[in-house]
Structure formats: C-alpha cells, structure tokens
C-alpha cells in the first residue's frame, strides 16, 4: 500500500528542482526585433536611478508575482511595464531551460518577437535609461570572454557549530563561478543576462 501511494505521488508533476516553490522566481523575455530587415536582440539599460543594478544591460523581465498565472505571463507583464509593449502584439517563439543561479534563485527565459518601432515610442523612462539592439549575425561570430569569481561560504554567528564534526574548524568548500562578458560598441553585457544570452546563442548556432 505504501509503495503504491509513493509511486502515484512520484508520477505526478514535480518542481523543477528541490526548493523551487520557495525560491525567488523571475522571468525574462529575449526580445527579437527586426532592424533594417535583419534580426537583432533588444536589450535595456536599467535606469540610473534604480536601486538595484542601475546602468546594467538586461533583458526585460522581473519577479514573478503571485497574481501571475505563469512565468510566461510574468515575462509579458514586465515587458509591458518596462517597454510599453502590448502583450497581445508579442509572439512567443519558445522558452529556454531555466537558469538556476542557486536553490533560492531561478530565472525562466522566453524568446519572443516584438515590434521595435512600438518600443522606441513607449518605453518607461523611470525604469529604462535607453534601449539598444545587437545583430544576431554579430553575436554568432563573437566570442564572449570569462572571468572567475571566488565564492566562499561564511556562516552567520548563530550557526550551530556544535552539531557538526570539527565545529568551528570545519573546512568550508569554496567554489568559483563563471562571469561571462559581451562587449558591443559602448555596452557591456554580463551577469545572468550574459549567461542566458550565451546559452541562447549556442542554441541558434
């Protein structure tokens, strides 16, 4: 009886990873636009007055709210709020694998075509400093470069060292994370945007 119930539970749809339900969940749109009859990817430069990551180049997107019916709905809502694009004019092409930065942070990327002319007229100046595009042809021939960042765990003062072997002498394992960079004209794309972009370019290659 127990194994039958367990088998039934395990056959149901499960979270993408352990902790997904409680993670900080975001969704972004990779906007494809046509410029002079050539396909480009559009990026935002975050407003210099933003509290988080001012001046960074990014895709439109943001946190998935409880009122969003799905990650895709969140990506469309955020794109509307930031770029003024009517969700009904957006054509979803597909989705990428989620970017799991950690067990507490995940980003769901979607690829879509949008109207570039509509953006130029309507983007939100409070959130977006400017927009720019990069030709896909250029991206296919560009080699991004990488730098490593060391990440070392630091337990908080109330950590229960008395419950683990070696206590305060426990050897925490440091790790390195890759930070990729794309330099295009005066713009630099890095961080999770660069990681998602790199994955997307590898797919279309």
Protein backbone atom coordinates (compact mmCIF):
# COMPACT_ATOMS: atom_id res chain seq x y z
CA UNK A 1 0.00 0.00 0.00
CA UNK A 2 2.73 2.46 0.96
CA UNK A 3 4.76 1.79 -2.20
CA UNK A 4 1.66 2.13 -4.40
CA UNK A 5 0.88 5.54 -2.88
CA UNK A 6 4.50 6.59 -3.20
CA UNK A 7 4.63 5.54 -6.86
CA UNK A 8 1.47 7.54 -7.53
CA UNK A 9 2.89 10.65 -5.87
CA UNK A 10 6.20 10.39 -7.72
CA UNK A 11 4.41 10.07 -11.05
CA UNK A 12 2.80 13.49 -10.63
CA UNK A 13 4.35 16.71 -11.89
CA UNK A 14 7.08 17.78 -9.51
CA UNK A 15 9.04 21.00 -9.08
CA UNK A 16 11.92 21.57 -11.48
CA UNK A 17 14.33 21.32 -8.54
CA UNK A 18 14.11 20.94 -4.78
CA UNK A 19 13.32 24.38 -3.37
CA UNK A 20 11.64 25.82 -6.48
CA UNK A 21 8.41 26.58 -4.60
CA UNK A 22 10.19 28.86 -2.12
CA UNK A 23 12.88 30.29 -4.43
CA UNK A 24 12.96 33.88 -5.67
CA UNK A 25 11.46 33.32 -9.14
CA UNK A 26 11.91 35.69 -12.07
CA UNK A 27 11.06 35.60 -15.76
CA UNK A 28 12.69 37.44 -18.65
CA UNK A 29 11.96 37.92 -22.32
CA UNK A 30 14.63 37.66 -25.01
CA UNK A 31 13.10 40.12 -27.49
CA UNK A 32 13.80 39.54 -31.18
CA UNK A 33 13.28 42.63 -33.34
CA UNK A 34 13.85 43.43 -36.97
CA UNK A 35 16.12 46.36 -37.75
CA UNK A 36 16.67 47.15 -41.43
CA UNK A 37 15.28 43.71 -42.31
CA UNK A 38 17.84 41.97 -40.06
CA UNK A 39 17.10 40.14 -36.81
CA UNK A 40 18.50 41.71 -33.65
CA UNK A 41 18.14 41.08 -29.93
CA UNK A 42 16.93 44.05 -27.92
CA UNK A 43 18.37 44.98 -24.53
CA UNK A 44 17.52 47.55 -21.90
CA UNK A 45 19.90 49.75 -19.95
CA UNK A 46 18.42 49.95 -16.47
CA UNK A 47 17.65 53.47 -15.26
CA UNK A 48 20.49 55.14 -13.37
CA UNK A 49 18.01 55.94 -10.60
CA UNK A 50 17.12 52.28 -9.97
CA UNK A 51 18.00 50.94 -6.51
CA UNK A 52 19.28 47.62 -7.90
CA UNK A 53 21.81 47.30 -10.73
CA UNK A 54 21.49 50.82 -12.16
CA UNK A 55 23.03 51.16 -15.60
CA UNK A 56 23.27 47.41 -16.23
CA UNK A 57 22.26 45.97 -19.59
CA UNK A 58 19.49 43.40 -19.27
CA UNK A 59 16.52 41.70 -20.84
CA UNK A 60 13.06 42.95 -19.89
CA UNK A 61 11.65 40.96 -17.01
CA UNK A 62 11.47 40.68 -13.27
CA UNK A 63 9.96 38.93 -10.29
CA UNK A 64 7.05 36.53 -10.76
CA UNK A 65 4.16 37.92 -8.71
CA UNK A 66 1.52 35.76 -7.00
CA UNK A 67 -1.03 37.24 -9.42
CA UNK A 68 0.90 35.99 -12.49
CA UNK A 69 -0.66 32.83 -13.91
CA UNK A 70 2.69 31.52 -15.14
CA UNK A 71 6.33 32.55 -15.65
CA UNK A 72 5.44 33.48 -19.24
CA UNK A 73 2.66 35.75 -18.01
CA UNK A 74 5.16 37.44 -15.69
CA UNK A 75 7.63 37.99 -18.56
CA UNK A 76 4.90 39.56 -20.69
CA UNK A 77 3.67 41.75 -17.82
CA UNK A 78 7.16 43.01 -17.03
CA UNK A 79 7.86 43.67 -20.71
CA UNK A 80 4.68 45.71 -20.89
CA UNK A 81 5.60 47.68 -17.75
CA UNK A 82 9.16 48.38 -18.89
CA UNK A 83 8.85 48.73 -22.66
CA UNK A 84 5.17 49.60 -23.09
CA UNK A 85 4.61 46.62 -25.38
CA UNK A 86 1.04 45.34 -25.62
CA UNK A 87 1.23 41.62 -24.68
CA UNK A 88 -1.24 40.87 -27.49
CA UNK A 89 1.36 42.00 -30.04
CA UNK A 90 4.08 39.71 -28.66
CA UNK A 91 4.68 36.39 -30.41
CA UNK A 92 6.28 33.76 -28.18
CA UNK A 93 8.76 31.68 -30.18
CA UNK A 94 9.74 29.31 -27.37
CA UNK A 95 11.39 29.02 -23.99
CA UNK A 96 14.89 28.20 -22.76
CA UNK A 97 15.91 25.98 -19.89
CA UNK A 98 15.57 27.88 -16.61
CA UNK A 99 18.70 29.46 -15.22
CA UNK A 100 19.12 28.13 -11.68
CA UNK A 101 21.53 30.52 -10.02
CA UNK A 102 21.06 28.75 -6.68
CA UNK A 103 18.42 26.78 -4.83
CA UNK A 104 16.93 30.13 -3.82
CA UNK A 105 17.00 31.94 -7.18
CA UNK A 106 15.74 30.84 -10.59
CA UNK A 107 15.07 32.70 -13.87
CA UNK A 108 12.72 31.46 -16.61
CA UNK A 109 13.70 32.86 -20.06
CA UNK A 110 11.32 33.13 -23.02
CA UNK A 111 12.09 34.07 -26.62
CA UNK A 112 9.64 36.30 -28.49
CA UNK A 113 9.33 38.66 -31.43
CA UNK A 114 8.18 42.20 -30.68
CA UNK A 115 7.64 45.43 -32.61
CA UNK A 116 10.78 47.57 -32.36
CA UNK A 117 9.01 50.74 -33.53
CA UNK A 118 6.46 50.38 -30.72
CA UNK A 119 9.27 50.24 -28.13
CA UNK A 120 11.02 53.39 -29.33
CA UNK A 121 7.83 55.34 -28.70
CA UNK A 122 6.79 53.86 -25.38
CA UNK A 123 9.50 52.56 -23.05
CA UNK A 124 9.24 53.52 -19.37
CA UNK A 125 11.83 56.23 -18.67
CA UNK A 126 11.59 55.62 -14.90
CA UNK A 127 12.86 52.06 -15.25
CA UNK A 128 14.73 52.10 -18.56
CA UNK A 129 17.54 54.55 -19.35
CA UNK A 130 17.72 53.51 -23.01
CA UNK A 131 17.32 50.53 -25.31
CA UNK A 132 19.76 49.13 -27.85
CA UNK A 133 19.96 46.15 -30.18
CA UNK A 134 22.68 43.71 -31.21
CA UNK A 135 22.51 41.91 -34.57
CA UNK A 136 22.24 38.15 -34.21
CA UNK A 137 24.74 37.85 -37.05
CA UNK A 138 27.27 39.72 -34.88
CA UNK A 139 26.55 37.52 -31.87
CA UNK A 140 27.09 34.36 -33.91
CA UNK A 141 30.62 35.50 -34.73
CA UNK A 142 31.54 36.94 -31.34
CA UNK A 143 33.49 35.06 -28.67
CA UNK A 144 32.49 36.19 -25.17
CA UNK A 145 35.18 36.13 -22.52
CA UNK A 146 35.02 34.83 -18.98
CA UNK A 147 36.35 35.79 -15.54
CA UNK A 148 36.14 33.63 -12.43
CA UNK A 149 34.72 34.88 -9.15
CA UNK A 150 35.53 33.04 -5.94
CA UNK A 151 32.52 32.31 -3.73
CA UNK A 152 33.25 31.36 -0.14
CA UNK A 153 30.52 30.38 2.38
CA UNK A 154 30.54 32.42 5.59
CA UNK A 155 28.29 31.01 8.37
CA UNK A 156 26.29 33.50 10.40
CA UNK A 157 27.19 33.97 14.09
CA UNK A 158 24.29 31.79 15.26
CA UNK A 159 25.35 28.79 13.15
CA UNK A 160 25.19 25.58 15.31
CA UNK A 161 28.85 24.56 15.01
CA UNK A 162 28.44 22.21 17.99
CA UNK A 163 26.26 19.93 15.84
CA UNK A 164 28.81 19.27 13.09
CA UNK A 165 32.11 17.42 13.05
CA UNK A 166 35.14 19.70 13.67
CA UNK A 167 32.86 22.54 14.79
CA UNK A 168 34.34 25.96 14.09
CA UNK A 169 37.28 24.25 12.35
CA UNK A 170 35.02 22.75 9.68
CA UNK A 171 36.60 23.22 6.25
CA UNK A 172 34.04 25.00 4.13
CA UNK A 173 34.46 24.38 0.42
CA UNK A 174 34.95 27.50 -1.68
CA UNK A 175 33.93 27.43 -5.32
CA UNK A 176 34.40 29.56 -8.40
CA UNK A 177 31.61 30.88 -10.57
CA UNK A 178 31.98 31.99 -14.19
CA UNK A 179 31.08 35.52 -15.17
CA UNK A 180 30.77 35.92 -18.95
CA UNK A 181 31.13 39.23 -20.78
CA UNK A 182 29.92 40.51 -24.16
CA UNK A 183 31.29 43.87 -25.33
CA UNK A 184 29.28 45.55 -28.09
CA UNK A 185 30.11 49.13 -29.03
CA UNK A 186 29.80 51.11 -25.77
CA UNK A 187 27.76 48.42 -24.00
CA UNK A 188 28.86 45.54 -21.78
CA UNK A 189 26.56 42.63 -21.03
CA UNK A 190 27.46 40.45 -18.08
CA UNK A 191 25.91 38.60 -15.14
CA UNK A 192 22.84 36.42 -15.56
CA UNK A 193 21.90 38.29 -18.77
CA UNK A 194 25.20 37.26 -20.34
CA UNK A 195 24.82 33.68 -19.14
CA UNK A 196 21.32 33.40 -20.65
CA UNK A 197 22.47 35.16 -23.84
CA UNK A 198 25.42 32.79 -24.21
CA UNK A 199 23.12 29.78 -23.88
CA UNK A 200 20.71 31.23 -26.45
CA UNK A 201 23.48 31.92 -28.97
CA UNK A 202 24.81 28.36 -28.53
CA UNK A 203 21.32 27.04 -29.34
CA UNK A 204 20.95 29.01 -32.57
CA UNK A 205 24.48 28.15 -33.69
